[in-house]
Amino acid sequence: MRWQPHAPWRYAGAIFSMSNYPPPMSQVILKTPAQLDLMRRAGQLLAQVFAELDRFIRPGVTTMQINDHAEAFIVETLRARPASKGQYGFPYSLNTSVDHVVCHGMPKVDEVLQEGSIVNVDITLEQGGYIADSSKMYSIGKVSDEARRLVDTTYEALWRGIEQVRPGATLGDIGHAVQAHAEAAGYSVVREYCGHGIGQQMHEAPEVLHIGQRGMGMKLKPGMVFTIEPMINQGGRGTRELKDGWTVITRDHSLSAQWEHTVAVTESGYEVLTLREEERRG
């Protein structure tokens, strides 16, 4: 999501401006317990996709092979729909963002994962009319200490944001927690793209920025469901979109990392709807 603090910004075919950011609470779709059950089911299925990819992703695999394997698993095994395919004209079932690619990387038949690379795999899945959205970083073989530190810090920043979620907290609390952790480690937070509400549509209100001030922005209410998906750069925060109209890279070609979960606001705190098995054990 492109976000420009002093100018209109475009997302999903609509143009917004800072005069209507954040959107009014009336635009946020609060989910009922029955709807949350459906979203929870979609999230659990999406966690299974990542478990399948854990066994598949390795040096020598192409990013298109990852796409094809995940799509087959979603459709044939889980009897679900890869929600990204066809969304806004995107032709594939997932994004694969390697090394200095920030987000929206397009799978390629000739992009072979090399030892030492890091790759973000971002997947959406729909079943029962509701969508789950999550992404995970994979370290290919043995990676450098610098790459490992970036990946780990970004994951920690994601959870710092998640841990702010509770009724009465604000979107600014989430953004501040993410930003403070990343910048304390010497990294920069990408500003142009952010998290989003999710439900029957992949992108709903509100927008969830990964920068912010405590106590600022929309207050959270039970039934809200949104993604938190910080993109953290090893170098400067500047990004550039490639000519394919999708792939976004760091301007300075430094490494970038991202993790994402779909999170629901509960009566007492939060529930991560896309939680993976290794996170439950941890």
Protein backbone atom coordinates (compact mmCIF):
# COMPACT_ATOMS: atom_id res chain seq x y z
CA MET A 1 0.00 0.00 0.00
CA ARG A 2 1.44 3.34 -1.04
CA TRP A 3 1.18 5.92 1.70
CA GLN A 4 2.40 9.49 1.23
CA PRO A 5 1.97 11.67 4.29
CA HIS A 6 1.45 14.94 2.44
CA ALA A 7 -0.30 13.88 -0.76
CA PRO A 8 -3.12 11.64 -1.94
CA TRP A 9 -2.19 7.99 -2.17
CA ARG A 10 -3.58 5.21 -4.33
CA TYR A 11 -4.56 1.74 -3.30
CA ALA A 12 -6.69 -0.97 -4.91
CA GLY A 13 -7.97 1.39 -7.57
CA ALA A 14 -9.21 4.05 -5.14
CA ILE A 15 -7.63 7.37 -4.24
CA PHE A 16 -7.53 8.57 -0.65
CA SER A 17 -5.96 11.54 1.07
CA MET A 18 -4.80 12.34 4.57
CA SER A 19 -8.11 14.18 5.07
CA ASN A 20 -9.86 10.82 5.34
CA TYR A 21 -7.06 8.86 7.03
CA PRO A 22 -7.75 7.05 9.23
CA PRO A 23 -11.18 6.10 7.89
CA PRO A 24 -14.16 6.50 10.22
CA MET A 25 -14.97 3.56 12.46
CA SER A 26 -18.21 3.12 10.51
CA GLN A 27 -16.15 1.80 7.58
CA VAL A 28 -14.61 -0.99 9.68
CA ILE A 29 -16.47 -4.30 9.44
CA LEU A 30 -16.66 -5.88 12.89
CA LYS A 31 -16.82 -9.66 12.61
CA THR A 32 -19.40 -11.71 14.46
CA PRO A 33 -18.37 -14.86 16.38
CA ALA A 34 -19.64 -16.97 13.47
CA GLN A 35 -17.62 -14.93 10.98
CA LEU A 36 -14.54 -15.20 13.19
CA ASP A 37 -14.95 -18.97 13.18
CA LEU A 38 -14.79 -18.92 9.39
CA MET A 39 -11.74 -16.65 9.42
CA ARG A 40 -10.09 -18.87 12.01
CA ARG A 41 -10.63 -21.87 9.76
CA ALA A 42 -9.11 -20.05 6.78
CA GLY A 43 -6.15 -19.05 8.94
CA GLN A 44 -5.57 -22.60 10.11
CA LEU A 45 -5.58 -23.82 6.52
CA LEU A 46 -3.09 -21.13 5.56
CA ALA A 47 -0.80 -22.25 8.38
CA GLN A 48 -0.88 -25.73 6.80
CA VAL A 49 0.32 -24.26 3.50
CA PHE A 50 3.40 -22.87 5.20
CA ALA A 51 4.02 -26.21 6.91
CA GLU A 52 3.97 -27.81 3.47
CA LEU A 53 6.38 -25.19 2.08
CA ASP A 54 8.73 -25.74 5.03
CA ARG A 55 9.39 -29.17 3.54
CA PHE A 56 9.65 -27.89 -0.01
CA ILE A 57 11.71 -24.69 0.02
CA ARG A 58 15.46 -25.30 -0.27
CA PRO A 59 18.44 -24.23 -2.40
CA GLY A 60 17.89 -24.96 -6.10
CA VAL A 61 14.10 -24.54 -6.06
CA THR A 62 12.70 -21.80 -8.30
CA THR A 63 10.21 -19.26 -7.06
CA MET A 64 7.75 -20.45 -9.72
CA GLN A 65 8.03 -23.99 -8.34
CA ILE A 66 7.10 -22.59 -4.92
CA ASN A 67 4.07 -20.89 -6.45
CA ASP A 68 2.93 -24.00 -8.30
CA HIS A 69 3.44 -26.29 -5.31
CA ALA A 70 1.53 -24.00 -2.98
CA GLU A 71 -1.32 -23.53 -5.46
CA ALA A 72 -1.72 -27.27 -5.95
CA PHE A 73 -1.72 -27.85 -2.18
CA ILE A 74 -4.32 -25.12 -1.59
CA VAL A 75 -6.66 -26.25 -4.35
CA GLU A 76 -6.24 -30.03 -4.41
CA THR A 77 -5.46 -30.89 -0.79
CA LEU A 78 -7.17 -28.12 1.20
CA ARG A 79 -10.06 -27.52 -1.23
CA ALA A 80 -9.59 -23.79 -0.81
CA ARG A 81 -8.86 -20.86 -3.14
CA PRO A 82 -5.56 -18.96 -3.54
CA ALA A 83 -7.07 -15.51 -3.07
CA SER A 84 -4.18 -13.54 -4.57
CA LYS A 85 -4.54 -15.15 -7.98
CA GLY A 86 -6.41 -12.72 -10.19
CA GLN A 87 -6.66 -10.06 -7.47
CA TYR A 88 -6.08 -6.68 -9.17
CA GLY A 89 -4.83 -8.68 -12.16
CA PHE A 90 -2.00 -10.45 -10.29
CA PRO A 91 -1.40 -13.71 -12.19
CA TYR A 92 0.07 -15.92 -9.44
CA SER A 93 -1.01 -17.49 -6.16
CA LEU A 94 1.64 -15.92 -3.96
CA ASN A 95 4.47 -13.39 -3.78
CA THR A 96 8.12 -14.40 -3.48
CA SER A 97 10.37 -11.50 -2.45
CA VAL A 98 14.05 -12.42 -2.49
CA ASP A 99 16.89 -10.51 -0.76
CA HIS A 100 16.47 -6.81 -1.66
CA VAL A 101 12.88 -7.23 -2.88
CA VAL A 102 10.64 -5.55 -0.31
CA CYS A 103 7.28 -6.97 -1.36
CA HIS A 104 5.06 -8.12 -4.25
CA GLY A 105 7.83 -10.16 -5.86
CA MET A 106 6.51 -12.14 -8.82
CA PRO A 107 7.44 -15.85 -9.06
CA LYS A 108 9.73 -16.64 -12.01
CA VAL A 109 10.66 -19.87 -13.75
CA ASP A 110 14.31 -18.80 -13.92
CA GLU A 111 14.66 -17.40 -10.38
CA VAL A 112 16.54 -20.12 -8.52
CA LEU A 113 16.93 -19.81 -4.75
CA GLN A 114 20.61 -19.71 -3.89
CA GLU A 115 22.39 -20.68 -0.69
CA GLY A 116 22.59 -17.62 1.54
CA SER A 117 19.49 -15.84 0.22
CA ILE A 118 16.44 -14.85 2.24
CA VAL A 119 12.95 -14.94 0.74
CA ASN A 120 9.56 -13.78 1.93
CA VAL A 121 6.62 -15.91 0.84
CA ASP A 122 3.31 -14.03 1.11
CA ILE A 123 0.09 -16.03 0.67
CA THR A 124 -3.64 -15.37 0.90
CA LEU A 125 -6.22 -18.14 1.12
CA GLU A 126 -10.01 -18.05 0.95
CA GLN A 127 -12.42 -20.66 2.20
CA GLY A 128 -16.03 -20.27 3.26
CA GLY A 129 -16.12 -16.76 1.89
CA TYR A 130 -13.40 -15.37 4.18
CA ILE A 131 -9.73 -14.65 3.55
CA ALA A 132 -6.59 -15.17 5.63
CA ASP A 133 -3.30 -13.44 4.84
CA SER A 134 0.16 -14.26 6.15
CA SER A 135 3.82 -14.24 5.14
CA LYS A 136 6.95 -15.95 6.37
CA MET A 137 10.68 -15.46 5.85
CA TYR A 138 12.78 -18.40 4.69
CA SER A 139 16.55 -18.52 5.04
CA ILE A 140 18.00 -20.57 2.19
CA GLY A 141 20.73 -22.81 3.55
CA LYS A 142 23.31 -20.99 5.64
CA VAL A 143 22.82 -17.22 5.58
CA SER A 144 25.04 -14.43 6.87
CA ASP A 145 24.82 -13.23 10.44
CA GLU A 146 23.62 -9.87 9.09
CA ALA A 147 20.77 -11.46 7.16
CA ARG A 148 19.80 -13.63 10.12
CA ARG A 149 19.72 -10.63 12.44
CA LEU A 150 17.46 -8.71 10.04
CA VAL A 151 15.05 -11.64 9.70
CA ASP A 152 14.91 -12.20 13.46
CA THR A 153 14.50 -8.51 14.31
CA THR A 154 11.65 -8.14 11.81
CA TYR A 155 9.88 -11.13 13.38
CA GLU A 156 10.35 -9.60 16.82
CA ALA A 157 8.96 -6.28 15.54
CA LEU A 158 5.87 -8.07 14.19
CA TRP A 159 5.20 -9.54 17.62
CA ARG A 160 5.86 -6.26 19.39
CA GLY A 161 3.04 -4.87 17.26
CA ILE A 162 0.74 -7.84 17.83
CA GLU A 163 1.21 -7.61 21.59
CA GLN A 164 -0.28 -4.11 21.57
CA VAL A 165 -3.62 -5.38 20.25
CA ARG A 166 -6.47 -5.18 22.76
CA PRO A 167 -9.73 -3.24 23.13
CA GLY A 168 -9.04 0.44 23.79
CA ALA A 169 -5.53 0.40 22.34
CA THR A 170 -4.90 2.38 19.16
CA LEU A 171 -3.44 1.74 15.74
CA GLY A 172 -0.69 4.18 16.72
CA ASP A 173 0.29 1.86 19.58
CA ILE A 174 0.91 -0.92 17.04
CA GLY A 175 2.92 1.27 14.68
CA HIS A 176 4.99 2.75 17.48
CA ALA A 177 5.92 -0.67 18.87
CA VAL A 178 7.04 -1.94 15.46
CA GLN A 179 8.96 1.22 14.59
CA ALA A 180 10.69 1.52 17.96
CA HIS A 181 11.97 -2.05 17.87
CA ALA A 182 13.21 -1.90 14.28
CA GLU A 183 14.90 1.48 14.59
CA ALA A 184 16.53 0.57 17.90
CA ALA A 185 18.28 -2.24 15.99
CA GLY A 186 19.53 0.23 13.37
CA TYR A 187 17.02 -0.66 10.66
CA SER A 188 14.45 1.41 8.74
CA VAL A 189 10.72 0.86 8.36
CA VAL A 190 9.15 0.97 4.91
CA ARG A 191 6.47 3.70 4.89
CA GLU A 192 4.72 3.18 1.54
CA TYR A 193 3.05 -0.15 2.38
CA CYS A 194 1.06 -1.20 5.41
CA GLY A 195 -1.33 -3.71 6.93
CA HIS A 196 -5.07 -3.69 6.35
CA GLY A 197 -8.42 -4.90 7.51
CA ILE A 198 -9.47 -8.23 6.06
CA GLY A 199 -12.56 -10.42 5.86
CA GLN A 200 -14.71 -11.25 2.87
CA GLN A 201 -12.49 -8.80 0.99
CA MET A 202 -8.72 -9.03 1.00
CA HIS A 203 -8.37 -5.34 1.77
CA GLU A 204 -10.77 -3.60 4.12
CA ALA A 205 -10.53 -0.71 6.57
CA PRO A 206 -8.53 0.13 8.60
CA GLU A 207 -5.04 0.68 7.26
CA VAL A 208 -2.42 -0.46 9.79
CA LEU A 209 0.77 1.58 9.56
CA HIS A 210 4.04 0.25 10.95
CA ILE A 211 5.07 3.65 12.26
CA GLY A 212 3.16 5.74 14.74
CA GLN A 213 2.72 7.41 18.08
CA ARG A 214 1.27 5.86 21.21
CA GLY A 215 -2.34 6.76 21.81
CA MET A 216 -2.89 8.10 18.29
CA GLY A 217 -5.23 6.81 15.61
CA MET A 218 -8.30 4.61 15.65
CA LYS A 219 -9.17 2.80 18.86
CA LEU A 220 -9.41 -0.96 18.61
CA LYS A 221 -12.68 -2.79 19.24
CA PRO A 222 -13.54 -6.48 19.59
CA GLY A 223 -14.40 -7.97 16.22
CA MET A 224 -11.84 -5.97 14.26
CA VAL A 225 -9.60 -8.17 12.10
CA PHE A 226 -6.53 -6.86 10.29
CA THR A 227 -3.04 -7.77 9.19
CA ILE A 228 0.19 -6.58 10.73
CA GLU A 229 3.01 -6.99 8.20
CA PRO A 230 6.10 -4.84 8.81
CA MET A 231 8.67 -4.49 6.04
CA ILE A 232 12.06 -3.68 7.51
CA ASN A 233 15.12 -2.64 5.50
CA GLN A 234 18.74 -3.19 6.40
CA GLY A 235 19.62 0.17 4.89
CA GLY A 236 17.50 3.19 4.01
CA ARG A 237 13.72 3.05 3.93
CA GLY A 238 13.43 4.14 0.29
CA THR A 239 11.74 1.79 -2.19
CA ARG A 240 11.27 1.61 -5.95
CA GLU A 241 8.69 -0.24 -8.03
CA LEU A 242 9.99 -2.13 -11.05
CA LYS A 243 8.57 -1.93 -14.56
CA ASP A 244 6.47 -5.07 -14.07
CA GLY A 245 4.15 -2.92 -11.96
CA TRP A 246 4.37 -5.23 -8.96
CA THR A 247 7.88 -5.90 -7.66
CA VAL A 248 9.12 -3.39 -5.08
CA ILE A 249 12.83 -3.23 -4.19
CA THR A 250 14.99 -1.23 -1.80
CA ARG A 251 16.46 1.84 -3.49
CA ASP A 252 19.91 1.11 -2.08
CA HIS A 253 19.67 -2.66 -2.80
CA SER A 254 20.04 -3.46 0.89
CA LEU A 255 18.28 -6.54 2.24
CA SER A 256 14.64 -6.35 3.28
CA ALA A 257 12.54 -8.67 5.44
CA GLN A 258 8.84 -9.02 6.21
CA TRP A 259 6.60 -11.18 8.38
CA GLU A 260 2.81 -11.05 8.48
CA HIS A 261 -0.12 -12.39 10.47
CA THR A 262 -3.88 -11.89 10.45
CA VAL A 263 -4.96 -10.74 13.91
CA ALA A 264 -8.39 -10.43 15.55
CA VAL A 265 -9.20 -8.11 18.43
CA THR A 266 -10.91 -10.13 21.18
CA GLU A 267 -12.75 -9.02 24.31
CA SER A 268 -9.58 -9.41 26.36
CA GLY A 269 -6.72 -8.97 23.87
CA TYR A 270 -5.90 -10.60 20.55
CA GLU A 271 -5.98 -13.85 18.61
CA VAL A 272 -3.54 -14.60 15.79
CA LEU A 273 -5.75 -16.37 13.26
CA THR A 274 -2.84 -17.49 11.06
CA LEU A 275 -0.63 -18.82 13.87
CA ARG A 276 1.65 -21.62 12.68
CA GLU A 277 2.36 -24.83 14.56
CA GLU A 278 5.95 -23.96 15.41
CA GLU A 279 4.71 -20.71 16.97
CA ARG A 280 2.19 -22.59 19.10
CA ARG A 281 4.99 -24.79 20.40
CA GLY A 282 7.24 -21.78 20.99
